[in-house]
Amino acid sequence: MQTLLNISNHPSEKWTEEQKKGWDKIIDIPFPNVDPSLTMTEVREKIANDLIKKIEKIEKNEVNEMSVYLAGDFSLCFMIYNEFSGSSIFVFPSTKRVVEVINGQKISSFKFVRWR
């Protein structure tokens, strides 16, 4: 069985069936708000450490093979990735950008293609 830990502001309940395909279980953790005025040390102390504890607790209790999708503030993503890159499998959605011109205005949408 495959579990996906979705740490993003893209709740899986809004995903297409194609995006959910292949995951037996999806656990959503809303990506924390990261104040842009914080230093790297403050991001680590005020946000990253708590998120790391949440992930560790989920990993400890999860019986399935678990992958992690992480999307949000680059500094926090970097800290989380560095913490778990040796023990967790990170996955990333690939999308195709579709641009349409409607009433003279460019409208972009993104179509999910696959996980990699």
N, C-alpha and C. Protein backbone atom coordinates (compact mmCIF):
# COMPACT_ATOMS: atom_id res chain seq x y z
N MET A 1 0.84 -1.19 0.00
CA MET A 1 0.00 0.00 0.00
C MET A 1 0.88 1.24 0.00
N GLN A 2 0.39 2.29 -0.61
CA GLN A 2 1.13 3.54 -0.74
C GLN A 2 0.36 4.68 -0.05
N THR A 3 1.06 5.40 0.80
CA THR A 3 0.51 6.59 1.45
C THR A 3 1.26 7.81 0.94
N LEU A 4 0.53 8.87 0.69
CA LEU A 4 1.13 10.15 0.30
C LEU A 4 0.87 11.15 1.41
N LEU A 5 1.93 11.75 1.91
CA LEU A 5 1.81 12.85 2.86
C LEU A 5 1.87 14.13 2.05
N ASN A 6 0.75 14.81 1.96
CA ASN A 6 0.61 16.02 1.15
C ASN A 6 0.77 17.25 2.05
N ILE A 7 1.94 17.88 1.98
CA ILE A 7 2.21 19.09 2.77
C ILE A 7 2.19 20.25 1.79
N SER A 8 1.02 20.83 1.63
CA SER A 8 0.85 21.91 0.66
C SER A 8 -0.44 22.65 0.97
N ASN A 9 -0.70 23.67 0.20
CA ASN A 9 -1.98 24.36 0.31
C ASN A 9 -2.91 23.93 -0.83
N HIS A 10 -2.73 22.68 -1.24
CA HIS A 10 -3.55 22.08 -2.30
C HIS A 10 -4.19 20.81 -1.72
N PRO A 11 -5.30 20.95 -0.97
CA PRO A 11 -5.91 19.80 -0.32
C PRO A 11 -6.31 18.73 -1.34
N SER A 12 -6.06 17.48 -0.99
CA SER A 12 -6.32 16.38 -1.91
C SER A 12 -7.80 16.24 -2.25
N GLU A 13 -8.68 16.75 -1.42
CA GLU A 13 -10.12 16.67 -1.72
C GLU A 13 -10.46 17.44 -3.00
N LYS A 14 -9.61 18.37 -3.42
CA LYS A 14 -9.84 19.15 -4.64
C LYS A 14 -9.07 18.59 -5.85
N TRP A 15 -8.32 17.51 -5.66
CA TRP A 15 -7.54 16.92 -6.74
C TRP A 15 -8.45 16.12 -7.67
N THR A 16 -7.96 15.94 -8.88
CA THR A 16 -8.67 15.08 -9.83
C THR A 16 -8.43 13.63 -9.43
N GLU A 17 -9.27 12.75 -9.93
CA GLU A 17 -9.08 11.32 -9.68
C GLU A 17 -7.74 10.85 -10.22
N GLU A 18 -7.30 11.45 -11.31
CA GLU A 18 -6.01 11.10 -11.90
C GLU A 18 -4.86 11.41 -10.93
N GLN A 19 -4.96 12.53 -10.22
CA GLN A 19 -3.93 12.88 -9.24
C GLN A 19 -3.92 11.93 -8.05
N LYS A 20 -5.09 11.45 -7.67
CA LYS A 20 -5.21 10.56 -6.51
C LYS A 20 -4.86 9.11 -6.86
N LYS A 21 -4.88 8.80 -8.13
CA LYS A 21 -4.66 7.43 -8.57
C LYS A 21 -3.27 6.94 -8.12
N GLY A 22 -3.24 5.72 -7.60
CA GLY A 22 -1.98 5.13 -7.16
C GLY A 22 -1.72 5.30 -5.67
N TRP A 23 -2.48 6.17 -5.01
CA TRP A 23 -2.31 6.36 -3.57
C TRP A 23 -3.46 5.68 -2.86
N ASP A 24 -3.12 4.79 -1.95
CA ASP A 24 -4.16 4.13 -1.17
C ASP A 24 -4.68 5.04 -0.07
N LYS A 25 -3.83 5.94 0.37
CA LYS A 25 -4.18 6.86 1.46
C LYS A 25 -3.43 8.16 1.24
N ILE A 26 -4.13 9.29 1.44
CA ILE A 26 -3.49 10.61 1.35
C ILE A 26 -3.75 11.33 2.66
N ILE A 27 -2.67 11.79 3.28
CA ILE A 27 -2.76 12.55 4.53
C ILE A 27 -2.39 13.99 4.21
N ASP A 28 -3.32 14.91 4.45
CA ASP A 28 -3.09 16.33 4.16
C ASP A 28 -2.61 17.06 5.41
N ILE A 29 -1.53 17.82 5.24
CA ILE A 29 -1.09 18.78 6.25
C ILE A 29 -1.01 20.14 5.55
N PRO A 30 -1.83 21.10 5.96
CA PRO A 30 -1.75 22.42 5.33
C PRO A 30 -0.35 23.01 5.50
N PHE A 31 0.19 23.56 4.43
CA PHE A 31 1.52 24.16 4.50
C PHE A 31 1.44 25.39 5.40
N PRO A 32 2.34 25.50 6.37
CA PRO A 32 2.29 26.63 7.30
C PRO A 32 2.55 27.97 6.60
N ASN A 33 1.96 29.01 7.16
CA ASN A 33 2.23 30.36 6.67
C ASN A 33 3.63 30.76 7.15
N VAL A 34 4.46 31.21 6.22
CA VAL A 34 5.82 31.62 6.56
C VAL A 34 5.95 33.12 6.32
N ASP A 35 6.08 33.86 7.39
CA ASP A 35 6.24 35.31 7.31
C ASP A 35 7.53 35.62 6.55
N PRO A 36 7.45 36.37 5.45
CA PRO A 36 8.65 36.65 4.66
C PRO A 36 9.70 37.47 5.38
N SER A 37 9.35 38.08 6.50
CA SER A 37 10.34 38.88 7.23
C SER A 37 11.19 38.03 8.18
N LEU A 38 10.85 36.75 8.35
CA LEU A 38 11.62 35.88 9.26
C LEU A 38 12.99 35.56 8.68
N THR A 39 13.95 35.40 9.57
CA THR A 39 15.28 34.93 9.16
C THR A 39 15.23 33.42 9.01
N MET A 40 16.27 32.81 8.44
CA MET A 40 16.33 31.36 8.31
C MET A 40 16.28 30.70 9.69
N THR A 41 16.97 31.29 10.66
CA THR A 41 16.97 30.74 12.02
C THR A 41 15.56 30.78 12.60
N GLU A 42 14.85 31.87 12.38
CA GLU A 42 13.49 31.99 12.90
C GLU A 42 12.54 31.01 12.21
N VAL A 43 12.71 30.80 10.92
CA VAL A 43 11.89 29.82 10.21
C VAL A 43 12.12 28.45 10.83
N ARG A 44 13.37 28.11 11.08
CA ARG A 44 13.72 26.82 11.68
C ARG A 44 13.08 26.69 13.07
N GLU A 45 13.28 27.71 13.91
CA GLU A 45 12.83 27.63 15.30
C GLU A 45 11.32 27.75 15.45
N LYS A 46 10.69 28.61 14.66
CA LYS A 46 9.26 28.90 14.83
C LYS A 46 8.35 28.00 14.01
N ILE A 47 8.87 27.43 12.91
CA ILE A 47 7.98 26.68 12.02
C ILE A 47 8.50 25.28 11.70
N ALA A 48 9.74 25.20 11.23
CA ALA A 48 10.27 23.93 10.74
C ALA A 48 10.29 22.86 11.83
N ASN A 49 10.74 23.20 13.00
CA ASN A 49 10.84 22.20 14.07
C ASN A 49 9.49 21.56 14.39
N ASP A 50 8.42 22.37 14.42
CA ASP A 50 7.08 21.83 14.67
C ASP A 50 6.62 20.92 13.53
N LEU A 51 6.88 21.35 12.30
CA LEU A 51 6.48 20.55 11.15
C LEU A 51 7.25 19.22 11.12
N ILE A 52 8.51 19.27 11.45
CA ILE A 52 9.33 18.06 11.50
C ILE A 52 8.75 17.07 12.52
N LYS A 53 8.34 17.56 13.67
CA LYS A 53 7.74 16.69 14.69
C LYS A 53 6.44 16.05 14.18
N LYS A 54 5.61 16.83 13.47
CA LYS A 54 4.37 16.30 12.92
C LYS A 54 4.66 15.17 11.93
N ILE A 55 5.63 15.41 11.04
CA ILE A 55 5.98 14.41 10.03
C ILE A 55 6.52 13.16 10.69
N GLU A 56 7.39 13.32 11.67
CA GLU A 56 7.97 12.17 12.38
C GLU A 56 6.87 11.34 13.05
N LYS A 57 5.88 12.00 13.65
CA LYS A 57 4.79 11.30 14.31
C LYS A 57 3.98 10.50 13.29
N ILE A 58 3.70 11.10 12.16
CA ILE A 58 2.95 10.40 11.11
C ILE A 58 3.75 9.22 10.59
N GLU A 59 5.04 9.44 10.32
CA GLU A 59 5.91 8.36 9.83
C GLU A 59 5.94 7.19 10.82
N LYS A 60 6.03 7.51 12.08
CA LYS A 60 6.12 6.49 13.13
C LYS A 60 4.86 5.63 13.18
N ASN A 61 3.71 6.25 12.95
CA ASN A 61 2.42 5.56 13.05
C ASN A 61 1.94 4.98 11.73
N GLU A 62 2.60 5.30 10.64
CA GLU A 62 2.15 4.86 9.33
C GLU A 62 2.71 3.47 9.03
N VAL A 63 1.83 2.55 8.68
CA VAL A 63 2.27 1.19 8.37
C VAL A 63 2.57 1.02 6.88
N ASN A 64 2.06 1.89 6.06
CA ASN A 64 2.28 1.82 4.62
C ASN A 64 3.59 2.47 4.23
N GLU A 65 4.06 2.15 3.03
CA GLU A 65 5.19 2.89 2.47
C GLU A 65 4.69 4.31 2.21
N MET A 66 5.48 5.29 2.63
CA MET A 66 5.02 6.67 2.56
C MET A 66 5.92 7.51 1.68
N SER A 67 5.28 8.33 0.83
CA SER A 67 5.97 9.33 0.04
C SER A 67 5.50 10.71 0.50
N VAL A 68 6.30 11.73 0.23
CA VAL A 68 5.99 13.08 0.68
C VAL A 68 5.93 14.03 -0.51
N TYR A 69 4.84 14.80 -0.60
CA TYR A 69 4.72 15.89 -1.56
C TYR A 69 4.79 17.17 -0.74
N LEU A 70 5.74 18.02 -1.06
CA LEU A 70 6.03 19.23 -0.29
C LEU A 70 6.03 20.42 -1.23
N ALA A 71 5.15 21.39 -0.97
CA ALA A 71 5.09 22.57 -1.84
C ALA A 71 4.75 23.80 -1.00
N GLY A 72 5.59 24.82 -1.13
CA GLY A 72 5.35 26.05 -0.39
C GLY A 72 6.62 26.89 -0.35
N ASP A 73 6.77 27.67 0.69
CA ASP A 73 7.92 28.55 0.87
C ASP A 73 9.22 27.76 0.70
N PHE A 74 10.10 28.26 -0.17
CA PHE A 74 11.32 27.53 -0.51
C PHE A 74 12.23 27.27 0.68
N SER A 75 12.35 28.23 1.58
CA SER A 75 13.27 28.03 2.72
C SER A 75 12.76 26.90 3.62
N LEU A 76 11.47 26.87 3.89
CA LEU A 76 10.92 25.82 4.73
C LEU A 76 10.97 24.47 4.00
N CYS A 77 10.67 24.45 2.72
CA CYS A 77 10.77 23.20 1.94
C CYS A 77 12.20 22.67 2.00
N PHE A 78 13.17 23.55 1.85
CA PHE A 78 14.57 23.15 1.88
C PHE A 78 14.92 22.49 3.23
N MET A 79 14.46 23.10 4.32
CA MET A 79 14.74 22.55 5.65
C MET A 79 14.10 21.18 5.83
N ILE A 80 12.87 21.04 5.39
CA ILE A 80 12.16 19.77 5.54
C ILE A 80 12.79 18.71 4.64
N TYR A 81 13.10 19.08 3.42
CA TYR A 81 13.74 18.13 2.50
C TYR A 81 15.07 17.65 3.08
N ASN A 82 15.87 18.57 3.58
CA ASN A 82 17.17 18.19 4.17
C ASN A 82 17.01 17.26 5.36
N GLU A 83 15.99 17.48 6.14
CA GLU A 83 15.75 16.67 7.34
C GLU A 83 15.37 15.22 6.98
N PHE A 84 14.60 15.06 5.89
CA PHE A 84 14.04 13.74 5.58
C PHE A 84 14.55 13.12 4.29
N SER A 85 15.45 13.77 3.59
CA SER A 85 15.87 13.25 2.28
C SER A 85 16.54 11.88 2.36
N GLY A 86 17.14 11.56 3.49
CA GLY A 86 17.77 10.26 3.62
C GLY A 86 16.81 9.14 3.98
N SER A 87 15.63 9.50 4.49
CA SER A 87 14.71 8.47 4.96
C SER A 87 13.36 8.47 4.24
N SER A 88 13.03 9.52 3.53
CA SER A 88 11.71 9.62 2.89
C SER A 88 11.86 9.73 1.38
N ILE A 89 10.82 9.29 0.70
CA ILE A 89 10.75 9.43 -0.75
C ILE A 89 9.91 10.67 -1.04
N PHE A 90 10.49 11.63 -1.73
CA PHE A 90 9.76 12.83 -2.12
C PHE A 90 9.25 12.66 -3.54
N VAL A 91 8.02 13.08 -3.78
CA VAL A 91 7.44 13.02 -5.10
C VAL A 91 6.95 14.41 -5.49
N PHE A 92 6.88 14.63 -6.80
CA PHE A 92 6.52 15.94 -7.31
C PHE A 92 5.56 15.77 -8.48
N PRO A 93 4.48 16.56 -8.51
CA PRO A 93 3.57 16.45 -9.64
C PRO A 93 4.16 17.14 -10.87
N SER A 94 3.97 16.55 -12.02
CA SER A 94 4.34 17.24 -13.25
C SER A 94 3.03 17.64 -13.94
N THR A 95 3.03 18.84 -14.48
CA THR A 95 1.83 19.37 -15.11
C THR A 95 2.15 19.94 -16.48
N LYS A 96 1.12 20.04 -17.28
CA LYS A 96 1.25 20.68 -18.58
C LYS A 96 0.51 22.01 -18.51
N ARG A 97 1.21 23.07 -18.88
CA ARG A 97 0.59 24.39 -18.88
C ARG A 97 -0.18 24.57 -20.17
N VAL A 98 -1.44 24.93 -20.05
CA VAL A 98 -2.31 25.16 -21.20
C VAL A 98 -2.69 26.64 -21.20
N VAL A 99 -2.36 27.33 -22.28
CA VAL A 99 -2.67 28.76 -22.37
C VAL A 99 -3.75 28.96 -23.44
N GLU A 100 -4.81 29.63 -23.04
CA GLU A 100 -5.90 29.95 -23.96
C GLU A 100 -6.06 31.46 -24.00
N VAL A 101 -6.48 31.97 -25.14
CA VAL A 101 -6.79 33.39 -25.25
C VAL A 101 -8.30 33.51 -25.31
N ILE A 102 -8.86 34.15 -24.29
CA ILE A 102 -10.30 34.33 -24.20
C ILE A 102 -10.57 35.82 -24.09
N ASN A 103 -11.31 36.34 -25.06
CA ASN A 103 -11.62 37.78 -25.11
C ASN A 103 -10.36 38.62 -25.03
N GLY A 104 -9.31 38.18 -25.72
CA GLY A 104 -8.06 38.92 -25.76
C GLY A 104 -7.20 38.78 -24.52
N GLN A 105 -7.62 37.98 -23.57
CA GLN A 105 -6.87 37.81 -22.33
C GLN A 105 -6.32 36.38 -22.25
N LYS A 106 -5.02 36.27 -21.91
CA LYS A 106 -4.40 34.95 -21.77
C LYS A 106 -4.82 34.33 -20.44
N ILE A 107 -5.32 33.12 -20.54
CA ILE A 107 -5.73 32.37 -19.36
C ILE A 107 -4.89 31.10 -19.32
N SER A 108 -4.18 30.90 -18.21
CA SER A 108 -3.36 29.70 -18.05
C SER A 108 -4.03 28.73 -17.10
N SER A 109 -3.94 27.46 -17.45
CA SER A 109 -4.39 26.41 -16.55
C SER A 109 -3.34 25.31 -16.60
N PHE A 110 -3.36 24.47 -15.60
CA PHE A 110 -2.36 23.42 -15.50
C PHE A 110 -3.06 22.08 -15.40
N LYS A 111 -2.67 21.16 -16.28
CA LYS A 111 -3.25 19.83 -16.30
C LYS A 111 -2.25 18.84 -15.73
N PHE A 112 -2.65 18.13 -14.71
CA PHE A 112 -1.81 17.13 -14.09
C PHE A 112 -1.45 16.07 -15.13
N VAL A 113 -0.16 15.66 -15.14
CA VAL A 113 0.30 14.62 -16.05
C VAL A 113 0.67 13.36 -15.26
N ARG A 114 1.57 13.51 -14.29
CA ARG A 114 2.01 12.33 -13.53
C ARG A 114 2.80 12.75 -12.30
N TRP A 115 3.03 11.81 -11.40
CA TRP A 115 3.93 11.99 -10.26
C TRP A 115 5.32 11.52 -10.67
N ARG A 116 6.33 12.23 -10.24
CA ARG A 116 7.71 11.74 -10.45
C ARG A 116 8.53 11.97 -9.20
